[in-house]
Amino acid sequence: MADECPPDFYNPSLHHEYDMSLVSMSTVGTIMGITIGILSMLSYLPQIIKIYNKKSIRGLNIIYICFCTTNQFYAASNAVILNLPKMMACAQVGFFKCYSSLLAMIQICGLWAMFFPIPLLFVLFHNNREAVTNEIQFRKKKIEFRWTVVLFIFTILDVVVVSFVSILAIAIQGPCSPVARNLAIVLGFISGMIVIFQWMPQLYSTYKFKGAGSISVITLVIQAPGGLVNLAFLIFVSKEKFSTWFSFFTNNVQLFILLSMIIYYHLKSKKKKKTSITDDVDSNKIPLLDSELVTDNKIID
């Protein structure tokens, strides 16, 4: 981040030129960035719509959802802090000369904003997960709901606290201070670490459920290959820092693992149903043949 800040930043007698922080981007790169950003944000719509229409969160894991919300918020915070000099450049050169340099940041923040309705829907439809048939299941479900609410509140508090600390640190120390730079690096590192662990609860839930459940396969199919394109854009076109794109790399690897598991269980279930239908047809044929034999014997007699 230090190389994006004007020299002698703390000398109040100097006029700081923030445009040195802007990234030169071709028209093709700009169009690519806008397209990736829009498609990435829209990719969450199938998941949101599926949960809302089914009024169910079967197959989804609250720990994964809270981890994902926190991870995306930390990634967005990292991007905002690292792009503060670029945002200040907008005030000097105008928005249309600087917006292409902010595409990655806008996209990362947009992903967090689009994902946020999912934990809200999880809490809203948690009690619709499955029918309760006895007192033990009722108590278990009640405990699960309490933990869901606790995790959701903790996630919200985390967003509030980190936002407050970041704004306070930048307001006191400045956007180009070592404090701001180190804060961005720490948030990016935590985001990357969260991604490594965030998928484990969901992978376990999918393994246990043996299927997609309320997970939108359309969302996964869009995000898996789209994530590779997005990663390439962040690294080679937008030239984001390692702390910004690392979490997207680890996220994409595990996204492909989850998609592979769902496809495997779908094909396995389809094969099982096909085998079951074949067995039913064969079993129905046996009585028919026996009946025909009896009839034939009577005719012969």
Foldseek 3Di string as FASTA:
>chain_A
DLVQFFPPNVPVVDDTQNCSNADDFDPVLLVLLVVLLVLLLCLCVLLLVLCVVVLADQLDDLLLLLLVLLLLLLLLLLLCLVCVSLVVNCVVPNCVVRVSLCSLSVSSVSNSVSSVVVLVSCLVSLVVHDDDDDDVSVVVSVVVSVVSVVSVVVSVVVSVVLVVVLVVCCVVQNSSGPVSVVSSLVSLVVSQVSLLVSCVVSLVSCVVVLACTSPDLSSLVSCQVSLVSSLCSCCPRSNHDCSNSNSSVSNNVVSVVSSVSRVVSVVVVVVVVVVVVVVVVVVVVVVVVVVVVVVVVVVVD
